[in-house]
Amino acid sequence: LMRVLPTSGLVAMVEVSLLFVGGFIVGHAFGWTPLECLFTGAVVSISSTSIVAKAFESEKVSDARREVVFGVLIVEDLLAILMMVALSILATGGSLGFEAIGTAALRLGLTLAVLLGGGLLVVPRLFRHTVSLGQNETTTVAAVGLCFATALATLSLGYPGALGAFIGGMLVAESGHGDVVERLVRPVRDVFAAIFFVAVGMLLDPTQVLAHPGWVAALLALVLVGKVGAVAVGAFLVGHSPKASIHAGLSLAQIGEFSFIMAGLGLTTSATGDFLYPLAITV
């Protein structure tokens, strides 16, 4: 992460910024409220880590392309957390002054520092010992339990569970047995991935989609064209070849889990109309 941050971090900043502004402009053109435009910009600016990971598993993708794409995705996820904090403040009637932003960023930084710092003292040693027992069932239960524990920790602090699960995975990788644990939890991951997408599909309202085909077409074009262009240009500017830059852009031309979470946040806080969630899922 630290190695690719100067390059992939810049690409992610370019992409998220351009797509956020593009989503806001599209929403404004359709006459949505400023808050709905902000949520729309956030929804279309984040790509799907799980979809890309699944696609890369089934294709022979070069290490260089994998590194730049996952570097962008990691930075995107961190930016998504910050956007969710900002949108939560706005949705509940707060204002985004420098003090509010600074406080939110400091609180998030402290949360990450405590979870990572404390976790590094315990989790790698725990998993080295667990794997050394040679009991696959014990290792699997420990890995899933850690995932739920870290997800619950971030949820209780007001952040998405996905952030905690992500941190849990990083801590397991530090044990040096990440490959072993990944192989064991893959069936569990596949079950939850199926549940996730079925649940998302059940929330799709076809009547909303049929009532606003222009909205769907506009946001779909923004995601497909805007993401490919923004990532490709950003990757090229930081030194990647034109071919690798275009490949990276094509890999990230979709929205995903954090997009649904942010659209759901707008719905549950009544910051947006009931059209945005099914619209995001359709896109």
C-alpha atoms as a PDB file:
ATOM      1  CA  LEU A   1       0.000   0.000   0.000  1.00  0.00           C
ATOM      2  CA  MET A   2       2.745   2.449   0.918  1.00  0.00           C
ATOM      3  CA  ARG A   3       4.664   1.596  -2.256  1.00  0.00           C
ATOM      4  CA  VAL A   4       1.769   2.226  -4.682  1.00  0.00           C
ATOM      5  CA  LEU A   5       0.235   5.142  -2.781  1.00  0.00           C
ATOM      6  CA  PRO A   6       2.131   7.890  -4.658  1.00  0.00           C
ATOM      7  CA  THR A   7       0.924   6.498  -8.005  1.00  0.00           C
ATOM      8  CA  SER A   8      -2.362   4.675  -7.399  1.00  0.00           C
ATOM      9  CA  GLY A   9      -3.349   7.248  -4.796  1.00  0.00           C
ATOM     10  CA  LEU A  10      -3.051  10.022  -7.366  1.00  0.00           C
ATOM     11  CA  VAL A  11      -5.037   8.015  -9.929  1.00  0.00           C
ATOM     12  CA  ALA A  12      -7.773   7.390  -7.355  1.00  0.00           C
ATOM     13  CA  MET A  13      -7.915  11.075  -6.432  1.00  0.00           C
ATOM     14  CA  VAL A  14      -8.253  12.070 -10.102  1.00  0.00           C
ATOM     15  CA  GLU A  15     -10.940   9.472 -10.776  1.00  0.00           C
ATOM     16  CA  VAL A  16     -13.017  10.075  -7.639  1.00  0.00           C
ATOM     17  CA  SER A  17     -12.855  13.861  -8.049  1.00  0.00           C
ATOM     18  CA  LEU A  18     -13.900  13.838 -11.714  1.00  0.00           C
ATOM     19  CA  LEU A  19     -16.680  11.293 -11.215  1.00  0.00           C
ATOM     20  CA  PHE A  20     -17.971  13.073  -8.109  1.00  0.00           C
ATOM     21  CA  VAL A  21     -18.228  16.345 -10.015  1.00  0.00           C
ATOM     22  CA  GLY A  22     -19.753  14.539 -12.997  1.00  0.00           C
ATOM     23  CA  GLY A  23     -22.406  12.893 -10.825  1.00  0.00           C
ATOM     24  CA  PHE A  24     -23.236  16.214  -9.199  1.00  0.00           C
ATOM     25  CA  ILE A  25     -23.626  17.861 -12.628  1.00  0.00           C
ATOM     26  CA  VAL A  26     -25.889  15.065 -13.882  1.00  0.00           C
ATOM     27  CA  GLY A  27     -28.092  15.320 -10.800  1.00  0.00           C
ATOM     28  CA  HIS A  28     -28.257  19.102 -11.115  1.00  0.00           C
ATOM     29  CA  ALA A  29     -29.237  18.782 -14.788  1.00  0.00           C
ATOM     30  CA  PHE A  30     -32.191  16.582 -13.780  1.00  0.00           C
ATOM     31  CA  GLY A  31     -33.321  19.063 -11.133  1.00  0.00           C
ATOM     32  CA  TRP A  32     -32.420  17.049  -8.038  1.00  0.00           C
ATOM     33  CA  THR A  33     -31.743  18.750  -4.708  1.00  0.00           C
ATOM     34  CA  PRO A  34     -28.130  19.723  -3.856  1.00  0.00           C
ATOM     35  CA  LEU A  35     -27.975  16.937  -1.263  1.00  0.00           C
ATOM     36  CA  GLU A  36     -29.223  14.378  -3.804  1.00  0.00           C
ATOM     37  CA  CYS A  37     -26.587  15.621  -6.252  1.00  0.00           C
ATOM     38  CA  LEU A  38     -23.869  15.143  -3.629  1.00  0.00           C
ATOM     39  CA  PHE A  39     -25.031  11.602  -2.900  1.00  0.00           C
ATOM     40  CA  THR A  40     -25.155  10.849  -6.622  1.00  0.00           C
ATOM     41  CA  GLY A  41     -21.590  12.065  -7.094  1.00  0.00           C
ATOM     42  CA  ALA A  42     -20.428   9.860  -4.237  1.00  0.00           C
ATOM     43  CA  VAL A  43     -22.323   6.827  -5.553  1.00  0.00           C
ATOM     44  CA  VAL A  44     -20.810   6.926  -9.057  1.00  0.00           C
ATOM     45  CA  SER A  45     -17.249   7.688  -7.918  1.00  0.00           C
ATOM     46  CA  ILE A  46     -16.449   4.380  -6.152  1.00  0.00           C
ATOM     47  CA  SER A  47     -15.705   1.107  -7.975  1.00  0.00           C
ATOM     48  CA  SER A  48     -16.353  -2.437  -6.748  1.00  0.00           C
ATOM     49  CA  THR A  49     -13.478  -4.243  -5.055  1.00  0.00           C
ATOM     50  CA  SER A  50     -15.350  -7.574  -4.915  1.00  0.00           C
ATOM     51  CA  ILE A  51     -16.313  -7.553  -8.601  1.00  0.00           C
ATOM     52  CA  VAL A  52     -12.762  -6.722  -9.702  1.00  0.00           C
ATOM     53  CA  ALA A  53     -11.267  -9.351  -7.368  1.00  0.00           C
ATOM     54  CA  LYS A  54     -13.645 -11.999  -8.720  1.00  0.00           C
ATOM     55  CA  ALA A  55     -12.929 -11.041 -12.330  1.00  0.00           C
ATOM     56  CA  PHE A  56      -9.161 -11.052 -11.787  1.00  0.00           C
ATOM     57  CA  GLU A  57      -9.392 -14.502 -10.193  1.00  0.00           C
ATOM     58  CA  SER A  58     -10.820 -15.995 -13.380  1.00  0.00           C
ATOM     59  CA  GLU A  59      -8.493 -14.165 -15.784  1.00  0.00           C
ATOM     60  CA  LYS A  60      -4.733 -14.180 -16.188  1.00  0.00           C
ATOM     61  CA  VAL A  61      -3.978 -10.616 -15.137  1.00  0.00           C
ATOM     62  CA  SER A  62      -0.401  -9.339 -14.968  1.00  0.00           C
ATOM     63  CA  ASP A  63       1.044  -8.399 -11.587  1.00  0.00           C
ATOM     64  CA  ALA A  64       1.656  -4.814 -12.751  1.00  0.00           C
ATOM     65  CA  ARG A  65      -1.988  -4.317 -13.736  1.00  0.00           C
ATOM     66  CA  ARG A  66      -3.202  -6.047 -10.593  1.00  0.00           C
ATOM     67  CA  GLU A  67      -1.047  -3.789  -8.429  1.00  0.00           C
ATOM     68  CA  VAL A  68      -2.215  -0.504  -9.944  1.00  0.00           C
ATOM     69  CA  VAL A  69      -5.901  -1.528  -9.990  1.00  0.00           C
ATOM     70  CA  PHE A  70      -5.982  -2.797  -6.411  1.00  0.00           C
ATOM     71  CA  GLY A  71      -3.959   0.213  -5.299  1.00  0.00           C
ATOM     72  CA  VAL A  72      -6.665   2.462  -6.752  1.00  0.00           C
ATOM     73  CA  LEU A  73      -9.416   0.354  -5.164  1.00  0.00           C
ATOM     74  CA  ILE A  74      -7.845   0.511  -1.701  1.00  0.00           C
ATOM     75  CA  VAL A  75      -7.494   4.292  -1.859  1.00  0.00           C
ATOM     76  CA  GLU A  76     -11.066   4.530  -3.218  1.00  0.00           C
ATOM     77  CA  ASP A  77     -12.369   2.579  -0.244  1.00  0.00           C
ATOM     78  CA  LEU A  78     -10.602   4.924   2.166  1.00  0.00           C
ATOM     79  CA  LEU A  79     -12.020   7.939   0.310  1.00  0.00           C
ATOM     80  CA  ALA A  80     -15.457   6.300   0.445  1.00  0.00           C
ATOM     81  CA  ILE A  81     -15.221   6.169   4.240  1.00  0.00           C
ATOM     82  CA  LEU A  82     -14.441   9.896   4.358  1.00  0.00           C
ATOM     83  CA  MET A  83     -17.319  10.668   1.972  1.00  0.00           C
ATOM     84  CA  MET A  84     -19.711   8.616   4.088  1.00  0.00           C
ATOM     85  CA  VAL A  85     -18.699  10.554   7.184  1.00  0.00           C
ATOM     86  CA  ALA A  86     -19.215  13.866   5.361  1.00  0.00           C
ATOM     87  CA  LEU A  87     -22.542  12.784   3.874  1.00  0.00           C
ATOM     88  CA  SER A  88     -23.750  11.554   7.271  1.00  0.00           C
ATOM     89  CA  ILE A  89     -23.034  14.986   8.741  1.00  0.00           C
ATOM     90  CA  LEU A  90     -24.918  16.719   5.911  1.00  0.00           C
ATOM     91  CA  ALA A  91     -27.814  14.251   5.960  1.00  0.00           C
ATOM     92  CA  THR A  92     -28.436  14.918   9.640  1.00  0.00           C
ATOM     93  CA  GLY A  93     -28.505  18.673   9.154  1.00  0.00           C
ATOM     94  CA  GLY A  94     -24.900  19.467  10.030  1.00  0.00           C
ATOM     95  CA  SER A  95     -22.504  21.694   8.126  1.00  0.00           C
ATOM     96  CA  LEU A  96     -19.167  20.798   6.587  1.00  0.00           C
ATOM     97  CA  GLY A  97     -16.894  23.482   7.915  1.00  0.00           C
ATOM     98  CA  PHE A  98     -13.175  22.993   8.352  1.00  0.00           C
ATOM     99  CA  GLU A  99     -13.717  22.172  12.007  1.00  0.00           C
ATOM    100  CA  ALA A 100     -16.256  19.431  11.255  1.00  0.00           C
ATOM    101  CA  ILE A 101     -14.094  17.919   8.509  1.00  0.00           C
ATOM    102  CA  GLY A 102     -10.990  18.070  10.683  1.00  0.00           C
ATOM    103  CA  THR A 103     -12.766  16.462  13.619  1.00  0.00           C
ATOM    104  CA  ALA A 104     -14.169  13.676  11.432  1.00  0.00           C
ATOM    105  CA  ALA A 105     -10.782  13.014   9.812  1.00  0.00           C
ATOM    106  CA  LEU A 106      -9.026  12.995  13.193  1.00  0.00           C
ATOM    107  CA  ARG A 107     -11.588  10.613  14.662  1.00  0.00           C
ATOM    108  CA  LEU A 108     -11.229   8.262  11.680  1.00  0.00           C
ATOM    109  CA  GLY A 109      -7.438   8.436  11.904  1.00  0.00           C
ATOM    110  CA  LEU A 110      -7.474   7.610  15.611  1.00  0.00           C
ATOM    111  CA  THR A 111      -9.869   4.710  15.000  1.00  0.00           C
ATOM    112  CA  LEU A 112      -7.613   3.245  12.327  1.00  0.00           C
ATOM    113  CA  ALA A 113      -4.517   3.764  14.472  1.00  0.00           C
ATOM    114  CA  VAL A 114      -6.038   2.008  17.487  1.00  0.00           C
ATOM    115  CA  LEU A 115      -7.416  -0.923  15.473  1.00  0.00           C
ATOM    116  CA  LEU A 116      -4.239  -1.428  13.455  1.00  0.00           C
ATOM    117  CA  GLY A 117      -1.827  -0.720  16.295  1.00  0.00           C
ATOM    118  CA  GLY A 118      -3.628  -2.914  18.794  1.00  0.00           C
ATOM    119  CA  GLY A 119      -4.352  -5.589  16.209  1.00  0.00           C
ATOM    120  CA  LEU A 120      -0.721  -5.859  15.097  1.00  0.00           C
ATOM    121  CA  LEU A 121       0.256  -6.719  18.662  1.00  0.00           C
ATOM    122  CA  VAL A 122      -2.219  -9.608  18.888  1.00  0.00           C
ATOM    123  CA  VAL A 123      -3.625 -10.894  15.581  1.00  0.00           C
ATOM    124  CA  PRO A 124      -0.460 -11.983  13.671  1.00  0.00           C
ATOM    125  CA  ARG A 125       0.833 -13.933  16.694  1.00  0.00           C
ATOM    126  CA  LEU A 126      -2.607 -15.455  17.268  1.00  0.00           C
ATOM    127  CA  PHE A 127      -2.889 -16.690  13.677  1.00  0.00           C
ATOM    128  CA  ARG A 128       0.655 -18.011  13.538  1.00  0.00           C
ATOM    129  CA  HIS A 129      -0.211 -20.124  16.580  1.00  0.00           C
ATOM    130  CA  THR A 130      -3.637 -21.103  15.188  1.00  0.00           C
ATOM    131  CA  VAL A 131      -2.256 -22.238  11.830  1.00  0.00           C
ATOM    132  CA  SER A 132       0.538 -24.171  13.567  1.00  0.00           C
ATOM    133  CA  LEU A 133      -2.119 -26.354  15.233  1.00  0.00           C
ATOM    134  CA  GLY A 134      -2.912 -27.857  11.823  1.00  0.00           C
ATOM    135  CA  GLN A 135      -6.679 -27.763  12.402  1.00  0.00           C
ATOM    136  CA  ASN A 136      -8.391 -26.215   9.365  1.00  0.00           C
ATOM    137  CA  GLU A 137     -11.697 -25.852  11.175  1.00  0.00           C
ATOM    138  CA  THR A 138     -10.092 -23.874  14.000  1.00  0.00           C
ATOM    139  CA  THR A 139      -8.308 -21.564  11.560  1.00  0.00           C
ATOM    140  CA  THR A 140     -11.507 -20.961   9.568  1.00  0.00           C
ATOM    141  CA  VAL A 141     -13.582 -20.184  12.655  1.00  0.00           C
ATOM    142  CA  ALA A 142     -10.869 -17.873  13.992  1.00  0.00           C
ATOM    143  CA  ALA A 143     -10.652 -15.985  10.682  1.00  0.00           C
ATOM    144  CA  VAL A 144     -14.409 -15.530  10.362  1.00  0.00           C
ATOM    145  CA  GLY A 145     -14.660 -14.579  14.025  1.00  0.00           C
ATOM    146  CA  LEU A 146     -11.965 -11.926  13.595  1.00  0.00           C
ATOM    147  CA  CYS A 147     -13.786 -10.549  10.543  1.00  0.00           C
ATOM    148  CA  PHE A 148     -17.034 -10.217  12.478  1.00  0.00           C
ATOM    149  CA  ALA A 149     -15.260  -8.751  15.512  1.00  0.00           C
ATOM    150  CA  THR A 150     -13.468  -6.016  13.572  1.00  0.00           C
ATOM    151  CA  ALA A 151     -16.606  -5.281  11.545  1.00  0.00           C
ATOM    152  CA  LEU A 152     -18.619  -4.957  14.768  1.00  0.00           C
ATOM    153  CA  ALA A 153     -15.947  -2.672  16.224  1.00  0.00           C
ATOM    154  CA  THR A 154     -16.150  -0.193  13.351  1.00  0.00           C
ATOM    155  CA  LEU A 155     -19.951  -0.416  13.219  1.00  0.00           C
ATOM    156  CA  SER A 156     -20.165   0.452  16.908  1.00  0.00           C
ATOM    157  CA  LEU A 157     -18.020   3.528  16.216  1.00  0.00           C
ATOM    158  CA  GLY A 158     -20.290   4.687  13.404  1.00  0.00           C
ATOM    159  CA  TYR A 159     -18.232   3.436  10.437  1.00  0.00           C
ATOM    160  CA  PRO A 160     -19.143   0.753   7.866  1.00  0.00           C
ATOM    161  CA  GLY A 161     -18.512  -2.855   8.815  1.00  0.00           C
ATOM    162  CA  ALA A 162     -16.644  -3.248   5.528  1.00  0.00           C
ATOM    163  CA  LEU A 163     -13.853  -1.051   6.902  1.00  0.00           C
ATOM    164  CA  GLY A 164     -13.424  -3.285   9.949  1.00  0.00           C
ATOM    165  CA  ALA A 165     -13.442  -6.452   7.850  1.00  0.00           C
ATOM    166  CA  PHE A 166     -10.822  -4.909   5.568  1.00  0.00           C
ATOM    167  CA  ILE A 167      -8.598  -4.130   8.567  1.00  0.00           C
ATOM    168  CA  GLY A 168      -9.098  -7.682   9.856  1.00  0.00           C
ATOM    169  CA  GLY A 169      -7.839  -9.050   6.535  1.00  0.00           C
ATOM    170  CA  MET A 170      -4.770  -6.800   6.663  1.00  0.00           C
ATOM    171  CA  LEU A 171      -3.952  -8.021  10.171  1.00  0.00           C
ATOM    172  CA  VAL A 172      -4.254 -11.674   9.145  1.00  0.00           C
ATOM    173  CA  ALA A 173      -1.956 -11.047   6.170  1.00  0.00           C
ATOM    174  CA  GLU A 174       0.700  -9.726   8.580  1.00  0.00           C
ATOM    175  CA  SER A 175       0.890 -13.196  10.157  1.00  0.00           C
ATOM    176  CA  GLY A 176       2.553 -14.535   7.025  1.00  0.00           C
ATOM    177  CA  HIS A 177      -0.208 -17.134   6.586  1.00  0.00           C
ATOM    178  CA  GLY A 178      -2.604 -15.021   4.512  1.00  0.00           C
ATOM    179  CA  ASP A 179      -2.586 -17.514   1.626  1.00  0.00           C
ATOM    180  CA  VAL A 180      -3.530 -20.398   3.934  1.00  0.00           C
ATOM    181  CA  VAL A 181      -6.374 -18.468   5.555  1.00  0.00           C
ATOM    182  CA  GLU A 182      -7.616 -17.135   2.206  1.00  0.00           C
ATOM    183  CA  ARG A 183      -7.900 -20.670   0.833  1.00  0.00           C
ATOM    184  CA  LEU A 184      -9.849 -21.839   3.874  1.00  0.00           C
ATOM    185  CA  VAL A 185     -12.344 -18.931   3.986  1.00  0.00           C
ATOM    186  CA  ARG A 186     -12.995 -18.830   0.227  1.00  0.00           C
ATOM    187  CA  PRO A 187     -16.148 -21.047   0.464  1.00  0.00           C
ATOM    188  CA  VAL A 188     -17.495 -18.819   3.254  1.00  0.00           C
ATOM    189  CA  ARG A 189     -16.777 -15.732   1.139  1.00  0.00           C
ATOM    190  CA  ASP A 190     -18.631 -17.227  -1.836  1.00  0.00           C
ATOM    191  CA  VAL A 191     -21.713 -17.928   0.290  1.00  0.00           C
ATOM    192  CA  PHE A 192     -21.820 -14.374   1.642  1.00  0.00           C
ATOM    193  CA  ALA A 193     -21.153 -12.916  -1.815  1.00  0.00           C
ATOM    194  CA  ALA A 194     -24.187 -14.770  -3.135  1.00  0.00           C
ATOM    195  CA  ILE A 195     -26.332 -13.554  -0.229  1.00  0.00           C
ATOM    196  CA  PHE A 196     -25.118  -9.989  -0.761  1.00  0.00           C
ATOM    197  CA  PHE A 197     -26.005  -9.836  -4.440  1.00  0.00           C
ATOM    198  CA  VAL A 198     -29.343 -11.608  -3.962  1.00  0.00           C
ATOM    199  CA  ALA A 199     -30.224  -9.105  -1.226  1.00  0.00           C
ATOM    200  CA  VAL A 200     -29.205  -6.211  -3.463  1.00  0.00           C
ATOM    201  CA  GLY A 201     -31.232  -7.604  -6.356  1.00  0.00           C
ATOM    202  CA  MET A 202     -34.323  -7.877  -4.159  1.00  0.00           C
ATOM    203  CA  LEU A 203     -34.094  -4.135  -3.487  1.00  0.00           C
ATOM    204  CA  LEU A 204     -34.286  -3.277  -7.194  1.00  0.00           C
ATOM    205  CA  ASP A 205     -37.578  -1.574  -8.069  1.00  0.00           C
ATOM    206  CA  PRO A 206     -38.239  -2.064 -11.819  1.00  0.00           C
ATOM    207  CA  THR A 207     -41.014   0.533 -11.826  1.00  0.00           C
ATOM    208  CA  GLN A 208     -38.566   3.214 -10.688  1.00  0.00           C
ATOM    209  CA  VAL A 209     -36.169   2.222 -13.449  1.00  0.00           C
ATOM    210  CA  LEU A 210     -38.826   2.156 -16.181  1.00  0.00           C
ATOM    211  CA  ALA A 211     -40.108   5.523 -15.037  1.00  0.00           C
ATOM    212  CA  HIS A 212     -36.708   7.210 -15.470  1.00  0.00           C
ATOM    213  CA  PRO A 213     -34.785   5.620 -18.369  1.00  0.00           C
ATOM    214  CA  GLY A 214     -32.987   8.895 -19.070  1.00  0.00           C
ATOM    215  CA  TRP A 215     -31.514   8.970 -15.569  1.00  0.00           C
ATOM    216  CA  VAL A 216     -30.249   5.398 -15.958  1.00  0.00           C
ATOM    217  CA  ALA A 217     -28.709   6.113 -19.363  1.00  0.00           C
ATOM    218  CA  ALA A 218     -26.968   9.294 -18.167  1.00  0.00           C
ATOM    219  CA  LEU A 219     -25.394   7.735 -15.083  1.00  0.00           C
ATOM    220  CA  LEU A 220     -24.494   4.556 -16.954  1.00  0.00           C
ATOM    221  CA  ALA A 221     -22.681   6.582 -19.608  1.00  0.00           C
ATOM    222  CA  LEU A 222     -20.927   8.589 -16.896  1.00  0.00           C
ATOM    223  CA  VAL A 223     -19.683   5.423 -15.166  1.00  0.00           C
ATOM    224  CA  LEU A 224     -18.591   3.587 -18.314  1.00  0.00           C
ATOM    225  CA  VAL A 225     -17.010   6.499 -20.163  1.00  0.00           C
ATOM    226  CA  GLY A 226     -15.994   8.679 -17.230  1.00  0.00           C
ATOM    227  CA  LYS A 227     -14.303   5.984 -15.162  1.00  0.00           C
ATOM    228  CA  VAL A 228     -12.390   4.504 -18.094  1.00  0.00           C
ATOM    229  CA  GLY A 229     -11.223   7.950 -19.180  1.00  0.00           C
ATOM    230  CA  ALA A 230     -10.369   9.271 -15.714  1.00  0.00           C
ATOM    231  CA  VAL A 231      -8.427   6.177 -14.631  1.00  0.00           C
ATOM    232  CA  ALA A 232      -6.658   5.823 -17.980  1.00  0.00           C
ATOM    233  CA  VAL A 233      -5.549   9.466 -17.998  1.00  0.00           C
ATOM    234  CA  GLY A 234      -4.506   9.341 -14.339  1.00  0.00           C
ATOM    235  CA  ALA A 235      -2.542   6.097 -14.781  1.00  0.00           C
ATOM    236  CA  PHE A 236      -0.816   7.458 -17.887  1.00  0.00           C
ATOM    237  CA  LEU A 237       0.181  10.656 -16.087  1.00  0.00           C
ATOM    238  CA  VAL A 238       1.878   8.726 -13.266  1.00  0.00           C
ATOM    239  CA  GLY A 239       4.014   6.756 -15.729  1.00  0.00           C
ATOM    240  CA  HIS A 240       2.093   3.679 -16.893  1.00  0.00           C
ATOM    241  CA  SER A 241       2.007   2.724 -20.561  1.00  0.00           C
ATOM    242  CA  PRO A 242      -1.052   3.663 -22.665  1.00  0.00           C
ATOM    243  CA  LYS A 243      -2.105  -0.007 -22.906  1.00  0.00           C
ATOM    244  CA  ALA A 244      -1.779  -0.617 -19.159  1.00  0.00           C
ATOM    245  CA  SER A 245      -3.620   2.656 -18.426  1.00  0.00           C
ATOM    246  CA  ILE A 246      -6.572   1.708 -20.644  1.00  0.00           C
ATOM    247  CA  HIS A 247      -6.685  -1.787 -19.145  1.00  0.00           C
ATOM    248  CA  ALA A 248      -6.796  -0.284 -15.655  1.00  0.00           C
ATOM    249  CA  GLY A 249      -9.615   2.054 -16.704  1.00  0.00           C
ATOM    250  CA  LEU A 250     -11.647  -0.786 -18.175  1.00  0.00           C
ATOM    251  CA  SER A 251     -11.123  -2.834 -15.005  1.00  0.00           C
ATOM    252  CA  LEU A 252     -12.675  -0.104 -12.843  1.00  0.00           C
ATOM    253  CA  ALA A 253     -15.679   0.793 -15.032  1.00  0.00           C
ATOM    254  CA  GLN A 254     -18.387  -0.139 -12.524  1.00  0.00           C
ATOM    255  CA  ILE A 255     -19.790   0.876  -9.144  1.00  0.00           C
ATOM    256  CA  GLY A 256     -20.100  -1.436  -6.181  1.00  0.00           C
ATOM    257  CA  GLU A 257     -20.636  -2.155  -2.521  1.00  0.00           C
ATOM    258  CA  PHE A 258     -19.791   1.260  -1.082  1.00  0.00           C
ATOM    259  CA  SER A 259     -22.003   2.859  -3.728  1.00  0.00           C
ATOM    260  CA  PHE A 260     -24.959   0.821  -2.469  1.00  0.00           C
ATOM    261  CA  ILE A 261     -24.095   1.635   1.148  1.00  0.00           C
ATOM    262  CA  MET A 262     -24.008   5.383   0.407  1.00  0.00           C
ATOM    263  CA  ALA A 263     -27.251   5.237  -1.581  1.00  0.00           C
ATOM    264  CA  GLY A 264     -28.806   3.370   1.327  1.00  0.00           C
ATOM    265  CA  LEU A 265     -27.547   6.025   3.720  1.00  0.00           C
ATOM    266  CA  GLY A 266     -29.322   8.691   1.684  1.00  0.00           C
ATOM    267  CA  LEU A 267     -32.530   6.652   1.718  1.00  0.00           C
ATOM    268  CA  THR A 268     -32.552   5.849   5.438  1.00  0.00           C
ATOM    269  CA  THR A 269     -31.791   9.451   6.444  1.00  0.00           C
ATOM    270  CA  SER A 270     -34.376  10.835   3.960  1.00  0.00           C
ATOM    271  CA  ALA A 271     -31.590  12.948   2.434  1.00  0.00           C
ATOM    272  CA  THR A 272     -32.526  11.619  -1.019  1.00  0.00           C
ATOM    273  CA  GLY A 273     -35.706  10.505  -2.722  1.00  0.00           C
ATOM    274  CA  ASP A 274     -36.517   6.809  -3.007  1.00  0.00           C
ATOM    275  CA  PHE A 275     -35.291   6.803  -6.624  1.00  0.00           C
ATOM    276  CA  LEU A 276     -31.528   6.872  -5.981  1.00  0.00           C
ATOM    277  CA  TYR A 277     -31.105   3.414  -4.442  1.00  0.00           C
ATOM    278  CA  PRO A 278     -32.754   1.408  -7.268  1.00  0.00           C
ATOM    279  CA  LEU A 279     -31.058   3.723  -9.757  1.00  0.00           C
ATOM    280  CA  ALA A 280     -27.635   2.917  -8.279  1.00  0.00           C
ATOM    281  CA  ILE A 281     -28.326  -0.828  -8.336  1.00  0.00           C
ATOM    282  CA  THR A 282     -29.488  -0.639 -11.953  1.00  0.00           C
ATOM    283  CA  VAL A 283     -26.330   1.200 -12.989  1.00  0.00           C
END
